[in-house]
PDB file of N, CA and C in Angstrom:
ATOM      1  N   UNK A   1      93.668 118.506 110.736  1.00  0.00           N
ATOM      2  CA  UNK A   1      92.901 117.744 111.469  1.00  0.00           C
ATOM      3  C   UNK A   1      92.193 117.970 112.654  1.00  0.00           C
ATOM      4  N   UNK A   2      90.930 117.329 112.895  1.00  0.00           N
ATOM      5  CA  UNK A   2      90.105 117.943 114.042  1.00  0.00           C
ATOM      6  C   UNK A   2      89.256 116.720 114.466  1.00  0.00           C
ATOM      7  N   UNK A   3      88.566 116.632 115.657  1.00  0.00           N
ATOM      8  CA  UNK A   3      88.240 115.798 116.313  1.00  0.00           C
ATOM      9  C   UNK A   3      86.844 115.142 115.460  1.00  0.00           C
ATOM     10  N   UNK A   4      86.977 113.663 115.108  1.00  0.00           N
ATOM     11  CA  UNK A   4      85.751 113.123 114.433  1.00  0.00           C
ATOM     12  C   UNK A   4      86.343 112.868 112.790  1.00  0.00           C
ATOM     13  N   UNK A   5      87.166 113.150 112.827  1.00  0.00           N
ATOM     14  CA  UNK A   5      88.144 113.102 111.294  1.00  0.00           C
ATOM     15  C   UNK A   5      88.123 111.679 111.379  1.00  0.00           C
ATOM     16  N   UNK A   6      88.091 110.894 110.054  1.00  0.00           N
ATOM     17  CA  UNK A   6      88.810 109.473 109.948  1.00  0.00           C
ATOM     18  C   UNK A   6      90.114 109.684 109.499  1.00  0.00           C
ATOM     19  N   UNK A   7      90.902 108.898 109.699  1.00  0.00           N
ATOM     20  CA  UNK A   7      92.703 108.726 109.614  1.00  0.00           C
ATOM     21  C   UNK A   7      92.936 107.319 109.107  1.00  0.00           C
ATOM     22  N   UNK A   8      94.083 107.378 108.773  1.00  0.00           N
ATOM     23  CA  UNK A   8      95.286 106.068 108.925  1.00  0.00           C
ATOM     24  C   UNK A   8      96.692 106.323 108.901  1.00  0.00           C
ATOM     25  N   UNK A   9      97.357 105.320 109.779  1.00  0.00           N
ATOM     26  CA  UNK A   9      98.631 105.382 109.634  1.00  0.00           C
ATOM     27  C   UNK A   9      99.274 105.869 108.124  1.00  0.00           C
ATOM     28  N   UNK A  10     100.033 106.784 108.251  1.00  0.00           N
ATOM     29  CA  UNK A  10     100.925 107.038 106.772  1.00  0.00           C
ATOM     30  C   UNK A  10     101.725 105.659 106.167  1.00  0.00           C
ATOM     31  N   UNK A  11     102.358 105.283 106.819  1.00  0.00           N
ATOM     32  CA  UNK A  11     103.208 104.089 106.919  1.00  0.00           C
ATOM     33  C   UNK A  11     102.486 102.772 106.467  1.00  0.00           C
ATOM     34  N   UNK A  12     100.983 102.675 106.970  1.00  0.00           N
ATOM     35  CA  UNK A  12     100.313 101.935 106.828  1.00  0.00           C
ATOM     36  C   UNK A  12      99.216 101.927 105.841  1.00  0.00           C
ATOM     37  N   UNK A  13      98.901 100.887 104.906  1.00  0.00           N
ATOM     38  CA  UNK A  13      97.408 101.369 104.066  1.00  0.00           C
ATOM     39  C   UNK A  13      96.491 100.462 105.050  1.00  0.00           C
ATOM     40  N   UNK A  14      96.572  99.991 105.993  1.00  0.00           N
ATOM     41  CA  UNK A  14      95.382  98.931 106.481  1.00  0.00           C
ATOM     42  C   UNK A  14      94.488  99.568 107.639  1.00  0.00           C
ATOM     43  N   UNK A  15      94.703 100.098 108.589  1.00  0.00           N
ATOM     44  CA  UNK A  15      93.706 100.278 109.570  1.00  0.00           C
ATOM     45  C   UNK A  15      93.186 101.874 109.434  1.00  0.00           C
ATOM     46  N   UNK A  16      92.047 102.240 109.912  1.00  0.00           N
ATOM     47  CA  UNK A  16      91.081 103.244 110.186  1.00  0.00           C
ATOM     48  C   UNK A  16      90.988 103.609 111.048  1.00  0.00           C
ATOM     49  N   UNK A  17      90.684 104.660 111.177  1.00  0.00           N
ATOM     50  CA  UNK A  17      90.538 105.035 113.221  1.00  0.00           C
ATOM     51  C   UNK A  17      89.416 106.489 112.713  1.00  0.00           C
ATOM     52  N   UNK A  18      88.917 106.673 114.064  1.00  0.00           N
ATOM     53  CA  UNK A  18      88.526 108.345 114.308  1.00  0.00           C
ATOM     54  C   UNK A  18      89.098 109.010 115.329  1.00  0.00           C
ATOM     55  N   UNK A  19      89.576 110.563 115.050  1.00  0.00           N
ATOM     56  CA  UNK A  19      90.301 111.078 115.917  1.00  0.00           C
ATOM     57  C   UNK A  19      89.024 111.676 116.798  1.00  0.00           C
ATOM     58  N   UNK A  20      89.306 111.182 118.484  1.00  0.00           N
ATOM     59  CA  UNK A  20      88.598 111.466 119.393  1.00  0.00           C
ATOM     60  C   UNK A  20      89.070 112.797 120.249  1.00  0.00           C
ATOM     61  N   UNK A  21      90.453 112.873 120.321  1.00  0.00           N
ATOM     62  CA  UNK A  21      91.007 113.938 120.842  1.00  0.00           C
ATOM     63  C   UNK A  21      92.364 114.532 120.444  1.00  0.00           C
ATOM     64  N   UNK A  22      92.627 115.662 120.311  1.00  0.00           N
ATOM     65  CA  UNK A  22      94.167 116.182 119.902  1.00  0.00           C
ATOM     66  C   UNK A  22      94.236 117.161 120.917  1.00  0.00           C
ATOM     67  N   UNK A  23      95.837 116.779 121.283  1.00  0.00           N
ATOM     68  CA  UNK A  23      96.147 117.671 122.591  1.00  0.00           C
ATOM     69  C   UNK A  23      97.605 118.306 121.603  1.00  0.00           C
ATOM     70  N   UNK A  24      97.183 119.381 121.953  1.00  0.00           N
ATOM     71  CA  UNK A  24      98.131 120.487 121.130  1.00  0.00           C
ATOM     72  C   UNK A  24      99.624 120.705 121.754  1.00  0.00           C
ATOM     73  N   UNK A  25     100.120 120.675 121.063  1.00  0.00           N
ATOM     74  CA  UNK A  25     101.524 121.202 121.053  1.00  0.00           C
ATOM     75  C   UNK A  25     102.293 120.210 122.703  1.00  0.00           C
ATOM     76  N   UNK A  26     101.936 118.891 122.374  1.00  0.00           N
ATOM     77  CA  UNK A  26     102.052 117.773 123.228  1.00  0.00           C
ATOM     78  C   UNK A  26     103.518 117.508 123.297  1.00  0.00           C
ATOM     79  N   UNK A  27     104.553 117.176 122.030  1.00  0.00           N
ATOM     80  CA  UNK A  27     106.009 116.689 121.798  1.00  0.00           C
ATOM     81  C   UNK A  27     106.571 117.710 121.151  1.00  0.00           C
ATOM     82  N   UNK A  28     107.821 117.423 121.236  1.00  0.00           N
ATOM     83  CA  UNK A  28     109.030 118.211 120.558  1.00  0.00           C
ATOM     84  C   UNK A  28     109.266 119.755 121.344  1.00  0.00           C
ATOM     85  N   UNK A  29     109.866 120.239 120.666  1.00  0.00           N
ATOM     86  CA  UNK A  29     110.282 121.778 120.690  1.00  0.00           C
ATOM     87  C   UNK A  29     110.906 122.362 119.413  1.00  0.00           C
ATOM     88  N   UNK A  30     110.624 124.021 118.898  1.00  0.00           N
ATOM     89  CA  UNK A  30     110.611 124.457 118.406  1.00  0.00           C
ATOM     90  C   UNK A  30     112.352 124.800 117.865  1.00  0.00           C
ATOM     91  N   UNK A  31     113.098 124.980 118.772  1.00  0.00           N
ATOM     92  CA  UNK A  31     114.364 125.194 118.864  1.00  0.00           C
ATOM     93  C   UNK A  31     115.360 124.794 119.948  1.00  0.00           C
ATOM     94  N   UNK A  32     116.580 124.239 119.338  1.00  0.00           N
ATOM     95  CA  UNK A  32     117.459 123.530 120.452  1.00  0.00           C
ATOM     96  C   UNK A  32     119.186 123.610 120.380  1.00  0.00           C
ATOM     97  N   UNK A  33     119.673 123.519 121.421  1.00  0.00           N
ATOM     98  CA  UNK A  33     121.204 124.206 121.076  1.00  0.00           C
ATOM     99  C   UNK A  33     121.684 123.060 120.310  1.00  0.00           C
ATOM    100  N   UNK A  34     122.468 123.626 119.701  1.00  0.00           N
ATOM    101  CA  UNK A  34     123.205 122.643 118.686  1.00  0.00           C
ATOM    102  C   UNK A  34     124.962 123.070 118.349  1.00  0.00           C
ATOM    103  N   UNK A  35     125.579 122.267 118.203  1.00  0.00           N
ATOM    104  CA  UNK A  35     127.291 122.236 117.815  1.00  0.00           C
ATOM    105  C   UNK A  35     127.483 122.530 116.504  1.00  0.00           C
ATOM    106  N   UNK A  36     127.646 123.108 115.897  1.00  0.00           N
ATOM    107  CA  UNK A  36     127.693 123.945 114.212  1.00  0.00           C
ATOM    108  C   UNK A  36     128.563 122.529 113.615  1.00  0.00           C
ATOM    109  N   UNK A  37     129.627 122.625 114.141  1.00  0.00           N
ATOM    110  CA  UNK A  37     130.783 121.836 113.381  1.00  0.00           C
ATOM    111  C   UNK A  37     131.797 121.075 114.269  1.00  0.00           C
ATOM    112  N   UNK A  38     131.974 119.597 114.564  1.00  0.00           N
ATOM    113  CA  UNK A  38     133.218 119.083 115.072  1.00  0.00           C
ATOM    114  C   UNK A  38     134.005 118.154 114.390  1.00  0.00           C
ATOM    115  N   UNK A  39     135.032 118.043 115.143  1.00  0.00           N
ATOM    116  CA  UNK A  39     135.770 117.292 113.984  1.00  0.00           C
ATOM    117  C   UNK A  39     135.649 116.150 114.413  1.00  0.00           C
ATOM    118  N   UNK A  40     136.128 115.208 113.429  1.00  0.00           N
ATOM    119  CA  UNK A  40     135.492 113.950 113.569  1.00  0.00           C
ATOM    120  C   UNK A  40     136.965 113.119 114.528  1.00  0.00           C
ATOM    121  N   UNK A  41     136.250 112.175 115.531  1.00  0.00           N
ATOM    122  CA  UNK A  41     137.037 111.349 116.557  1.00  0.00           C
ATOM    123  C   UNK A  41     137.166 112.632 117.756  1.00  0.00           C
ATOM    124  N   UNK A  42     136.560 113.593 117.801  1.00  0.00           N
ATOM    125  CA  UNK A  42     136.994 114.720 118.681  1.00  0.00           C
ATOM    126  C   UNK A  42     135.766 114.090 120.021  1.00  0.00           C
ATOM    127  N   UNK A  43     135.844 114.431 120.897  1.00  0.00           N
ATOM    128  CA  UNK A  43     134.773 114.260 121.843  1.00  0.00           C
ATOM    129  C   UNK A  43     133.626 115.759 122.051  1.00  0.00           C
ATOM    130  N   UNK A  44     132.457 115.572 122.258  1.00  0.00           N
ATOM    131  CA  UNK A  44     131.625 116.590 122.645  1.00  0.00           C
ATOM    132  C   UNK A  44     131.291 116.529 123.874  1.00  0.00           C
ATOM    133  N   UNK A  45     131.527 118.182 124.009  1.00  0.00           N
ATOM    134  CA  UNK A  45     130.949 118.683 125.613  1.00  0.00           C
ATOM    135  C   UNK A  45     129.827 119.464 125.466  1.00  0.00           C
ATOM    136  N   UNK A  46     129.099 119.613 126.822  1.00  0.00           N
ATOM    137  CA  UNK A  46     127.867 120.578 126.765  1.00  0.00           C
ATOM    138  C   UNK A  46     128.093 122.146 126.822  1.00  0.00           C
ATOM    139  N   UNK A  47     129.074 122.428 126.488  1.00  0.00           N
ATOM    140  CA  UNK A  47     129.718 123.865 126.730  1.00  0.00           C
ATOM    141  C   UNK A  47     130.478 123.866 125.352  1.00  0.00           C
ATOM    142  N   UNK A  48     130.328 123.221 124.475  1.00  0.00           N
ATOM    143  CA  UNK A  48     130.949 123.415 123.208  1.00  0.00           C
ATOM    144  C   UNK A  48     129.659 124.036 122.389  1.00  0.00           C
ATOM    145  N   UNK A  49     128.418 123.882 122.818  1.00  0.00           N
ATOM    146  CA  UNK A  49     127.257 124.522 122.267  1.00  0.00           C
ATOM    147  C   UNK A  49     127.573 126.121 121.523  1.00  0.00           C
ATOM    148  N   UNK A  50     127.427 126.225 120.316  1.00  0.00           N
ATOM    149  CA  UNK A  50     127.397 127.638 119.262  1.00  0.00           C
ATOM    150  C   UNK A  50     125.929 127.938 118.826  1.00  0.00           C
ATOM    151  N   UNK A  51     125.336 127.285 118.529  1.00  0.00           N
ATOM    152  CA  UNK A  51     124.192 127.925 117.856  1.00  0.00           C
ATOM    153  C   UNK A  51     122.958 127.543 118.825  1.00  0.00           C
ATOM    154  N   UNK A  52     121.573 128.223 118.319  1.00  0.00           N
ATOM    155  CA  UNK A  52     120.452 127.733 118.672  1.00  0.00           C
ATOM    156  C   UNK A  52     119.936 127.632 117.351  1.00  0.00           C
ATOM    157  N   UNK A  53     119.341 126.439 116.767  1.00  0.00           N
ATOM    158  CA  UNK A  53     118.606 126.374 115.619  1.00  0.00           C
ATOM    159  C   UNK A  53     117.454 125.671 115.766  1.00  0.00           C
ATOM    160  N   UNK A  54     116.550 125.758 114.680  1.00  0.00           N
ATOM    161  CA  UNK A  54     115.211 124.817 114.549  1.00  0.00           C
ATOM    162  C   UNK A  54     115.521 123.642 114.682  1.00  0.00           C
ATOM    163  N   UNK A  55     114.293 123.013 115.460  1.00  0.00           N
ATOM    164  CA  UNK A  55     114.353 121.351 114.949  1.00  0.00           C
ATOM    165  C   UNK A  55     113.707 121.227 113.976  1.00  0.00           C
ATOM    166  N   UNK A  56     114.365 119.769 113.717  1.00  0.00           N
ATOM    167  CA  UNK A  56     113.588 119.135 112.359  1.00  0.00           C
ATOM    168  C   UNK A  56     111.731 118.969 112.446  1.00  0.00           C
ATOM    169  N   UNK A  57     111.837 118.331 113.265  1.00  0.00           N
ATOM    170  CA  UNK A  57     110.093 118.501 113.838  1.00  0.00           C
ATOM    171  C   UNK A  57     109.185 119.168 114.199  1.00  0.00           C
ATOM    172  N   UNK A  58     109.884 119.834 114.760  1.00  0.00           N
ATOM    173  CA  UNK A  58     109.216 121.380 115.400  1.00  0.00           C
ATOM    174  C   UNK A  58     108.237 120.537 116.306  1.00  0.00           C
ATOM    175  N   UNK A  59     107.401 121.397 116.949  1.00  0.00           N
ATOM    176  CA  UNK A  59     106.054 120.984 118.208  1.00  0.00           C
ATOM    177  C   UNK A  59     105.250 120.362 117.100  1.00  0.00           C
ATOM    178  N   UNK A  60     104.954 119.301 117.592  1.00  0.00           N
ATOM    179  CA  UNK A  60     103.659 118.237 117.083  1.00  0.00           C
ATOM    180  C   UNK A  60     102.771 117.484 118.199  1.00  0.00           C
ATOM    181  N   UNK A  61     101.544 117.559 117.358  1.00  0.00           N
ATOM    182  CA  UNK A  61     100.321 117.037 118.789  1.00  0.00           C
ATOM    183  C   UNK A  61     100.402 115.733 118.648  1.00  0.00           C
ATOM    184  N   UNK A  62      99.530 115.394 119.918  1.00  0.00           N
ATOM    185  CA  UNK A  62      98.790 114.170 120.469  1.00  0.00           C
ATOM    186  C   UNK A  62      97.423 113.735 119.968  1.00  0.00           C
ATOM    187  N   UNK A  63      97.454 112.796 119.153  1.00  0.00           N
ATOM    188  CA  UNK A  63      96.135 112.617 118.879  1.00  0.00           C
ATOM    189  C   UNK A  63      95.788 111.474 119.583  1.00  0.00           C
ATOM    190  N   UNK A  64      94.515 111.043 119.997  1.00  0.00           N
ATOM    191  CA  UNK A  64      93.642 109.743 120.472  1.00  0.00           C
ATOM    192  C   UNK A  64      93.125 109.134 119.345  1.00  0.00           C
ATOM    193  N   UNK A  65      93.381 108.620 118.671  1.00  0.00           N
ATOM    194  CA  UNK A  65      92.510 107.225 117.668  1.00  0.00           C
ATOM    195  C   UNK A  65      91.938 106.474 118.349  1.00  0.00           C
ATOM    196  N   UNK A  66      90.218 105.909 118.038  1.00  0.00           N
ATOM    197  CA  UNK A  66      89.589 104.969 118.071  1.00  0.00           C
ATOM    198  C   UNK A  66      89.830 104.335 116.615  1.00  0.00           C
ATOM    199  N   UNK A  67      90.872 103.011 116.892  1.00  0.00           N
ATOM    200  CA  UNK A  67      90.860 102.382 115.440  1.00  0.00           C
ATOM    201  C   UNK A  67      89.598 101.243 115.203  1.00  0.00           C
ATOM    202  N   UNK A  68      89.540 101.109 114.164  1.00  0.00           N
ATOM    203  CA  UNK A  68      88.240 100.175 113.604  1.00  0.00           C
ATOM    204  C   UNK A  68      88.595  98.974 114.416  1.00  0.00           C
ATOM    205  N   UNK A  69      87.227  98.361 114.795  1.00  0.00           N
ATOM    206  CA  UNK A  69      87.268  97.102 115.771  1.00  0.00           C
ATOM    207  C   UNK A  69      87.609  95.648 115.073  1.00  0.00           C
ATOM    208  N   UNK A  70      87.380  95.927 113.852  1.00  0.00           N
ATOM    209  CA  UNK A  70      87.746  94.674 112.899  1.00  0.00           C
ATOM    210  C   UNK A  70      89.361  94.466 112.608  1.00  0.00           C
ATOM    211  N   UNK A  71      90.178  95.429 112.535  1.00  0.00           N
ATOM    212  CA  UNK A  71      91.218  95.074 112.519  1.00  0.00           C
ATOM    213  C   UNK A  71      91.967  94.401 113.538  1.00  0.00           C
ATOM    214  N   UNK A  72      93.042  93.958 113.517  1.00  0.00           N
ATOM    215  CA  UNK A  72      93.935  93.244 114.577  1.00  0.00           C
ATOM    216  C   UNK A  72      94.590  94.381 115.350  1.00  0.00           C
ATOM    217  N   UNK A  73      94.528  95.617 115.345  1.00  0.00           N
ATOM    218  CA  UNK A  73      94.858  96.733 115.714  1.00  0.00           C
ATOM    219  C   UNK A  73      94.178  97.476 116.861  1.00  0.00           C
ATOM    220  N   UNK A  74      92.423  96.929 116.471  1.00  0.00           N
ATOM    221  CA  UNK A  74      91.309  97.633 117.022  1.00  0.00           C
ATOM    222  C   UNK A  74      91.822  97.980 118.848  1.00  0.00           C
ATOM    223  N   UNK A  75      91.226  99.421 119.039  1.00  0.00           N
ATOM    224  CA  UNK A  75      91.489 100.079 120.496  1.00  0.00           C
ATOM    225  C   UNK A  75      91.729 101.054 120.069  1.00  0.00           C
ATOM    226  N   UNK A  76      91.837 101.803 121.459  1.00  0.00           N
ATOM    227  CA  UNK A  76      92.371 102.954 121.528  1.00  0.00           C
ATOM    228  C   UNK A  76      93.756 103.039 121.250  1.00  0.00           C
ATOM    229  N   UNK A  77      94.393 104.068 120.803  1.00  0.00           N
ATOM    230  CA  UNK A  77      96.168 104.667 120.465  1.00  0.00           C
ATOM    231  C   UNK A  77      96.192 105.796 120.579  1.00  0.00           C
ATOM    232  N   UNK A  78      97.435 106.376 121.295  1.00  0.00           N
ATOM    233  CA  UNK A  78      98.167 108.102 120.950  1.00  0.00           C
ATOM    234  C   UNK A  78      98.856 107.794 119.951  1.00  0.00           C
ATOM    235  N   UNK A  79      98.913 108.388 119.127  1.00  0.00           N
ATOM    236  CA  UNK A  79      99.671 108.512 117.932  1.00  0.00           C
ATOM    237  C   UNK A  79     100.111 110.020 118.134  1.00  0.00           C
ATOM    238  N   UNK A  80     101.396 110.496 117.292  1.00  0.00           N
ATOM    239  CA  UNK A  80     101.862 111.738 116.805  1.00  0.00           C
ATOM    240  C   UNK A  80     100.908 112.519 115.571  1.00  0.00           C
ATOM    241  N   UNK A  81     100.952 113.755 115.626  1.00  0.00           N
ATOM    242  CA  UNK A  81      99.992 113.854 114.387  1.00  0.00           C
ATOM    243  C   UNK A  81     100.713 113.817 113.144  1.00  0.00           C
ATOM    244  N   UNK A  82     101.957 113.548 113.004  1.00  0.00           N
ATOM    245  CA  UNK A  82     102.776 113.737 111.997  1.00  0.00           C
ATOM    246  C   UNK A  82     102.899 111.917 111.147  1.00  0.00           C
ATOM    247  N   UNK A  83     102.316 111.026 111.997  1.00  0.00           N
ATOM    248  CA  UNK A  83     102.005 109.494 111.858  1.00  0.00           C
ATOM    249  C   UNK A  83     100.753 109.528 111.097  1.00  0.00           C
ATOM    250  N   UNK A  84     100.094 110.269 110.981  1.00  0.00           N
ATOM    251  CA  UNK A  84      98.232 110.097 110.538  1.00  0.00           C
ATOM    252  C   UNK A  84      98.365 110.930 109.175  1.00  0.00           C
ATOM    253  N   UNK A  85      97.442 110.387 108.466  1.00  0.00           N
ATOM    254  CA  UNK A  85      97.057 110.836 107.226  1.00  0.00           C
ATOM    255  C   UNK A  85      95.388 110.871 107.485  1.00  0.00           C
ATOM    256  N   UNK A  86      94.729 112.095 107.076  1.00  0.00           N
ATOM    257  CA  UNK A  86      93.283 112.249 107.010  1.00  0.00           C
ATOM    258  C   UNK A  86      92.889 111.807 105.853  1.00  0.00           C
ATOM    259  N   UNK A  87      91.523 110.829 105.962  1.00  0.00           N
ATOM    260  CA  UNK A  87      91.136 109.958 104.986  1.00  0.00           C
ATOM    261  C   UNK A  87      90.006 110.894 104.327  1.00  0.00           C
ATOM    262  N   UNK A  88      88.907 111.107 105.677  1.00  0.00           N
ATOM    263  CA  UNK A  88      88.260 112.213 105.298  1.00  0.00           C
ATOM    264  C   UNK A  88      87.512 113.474 106.604  1.00  0.00           C
ATOM    265  N   UNK A  89      87.328 114.300 106.372  1.00  0.00           N
ATOM    266  CA  UNK A  89      86.776 115.359 107.251  1.00  0.00           C
ATOM    267  C   UNK A  89      85.667 115.355 107.142  1.00  0.00           C
ATOM    268  N   UNK A  90      85.407 115.922 108.639  1.00  0.00           N
ATOM    269  CA  UNK A  90      84.137 115.999 109.168  1.00  0.00           C
ATOM    270  C   UNK A  90      83.212 117.427 109.168  1.00  0.00           C
ATOM    271  N   UNK A  91      82.088 117.576 109.063  1.00  0.00           N
ATOM    272  CA  UNK A  91      81.515 118.704 108.448  1.00  0.00           C
ATOM    273  C   UNK A  91      81.498 119.699 109.724  1.00  0.00           C
TER     274      UNK A  91
END
């Protein structure tokens, strides 16, 4: 995905928009402190951390999209890069 691409939301079939700006590595983290196993019914404390593992989504970009004005959604909106699907790429 790059500036000028035509995109749509993955969960929706309707609105189309143009990518105006991409803020690289804006959301998320690549690793996190995790607890590998906890018995059911036991309390979790911050000192119980025993592993450092990768996160499910990792680091994501924030994308500024100008939505089609004919849709009810029209206007500018920031979206996560994982929420968008590229319809056509600019040259």
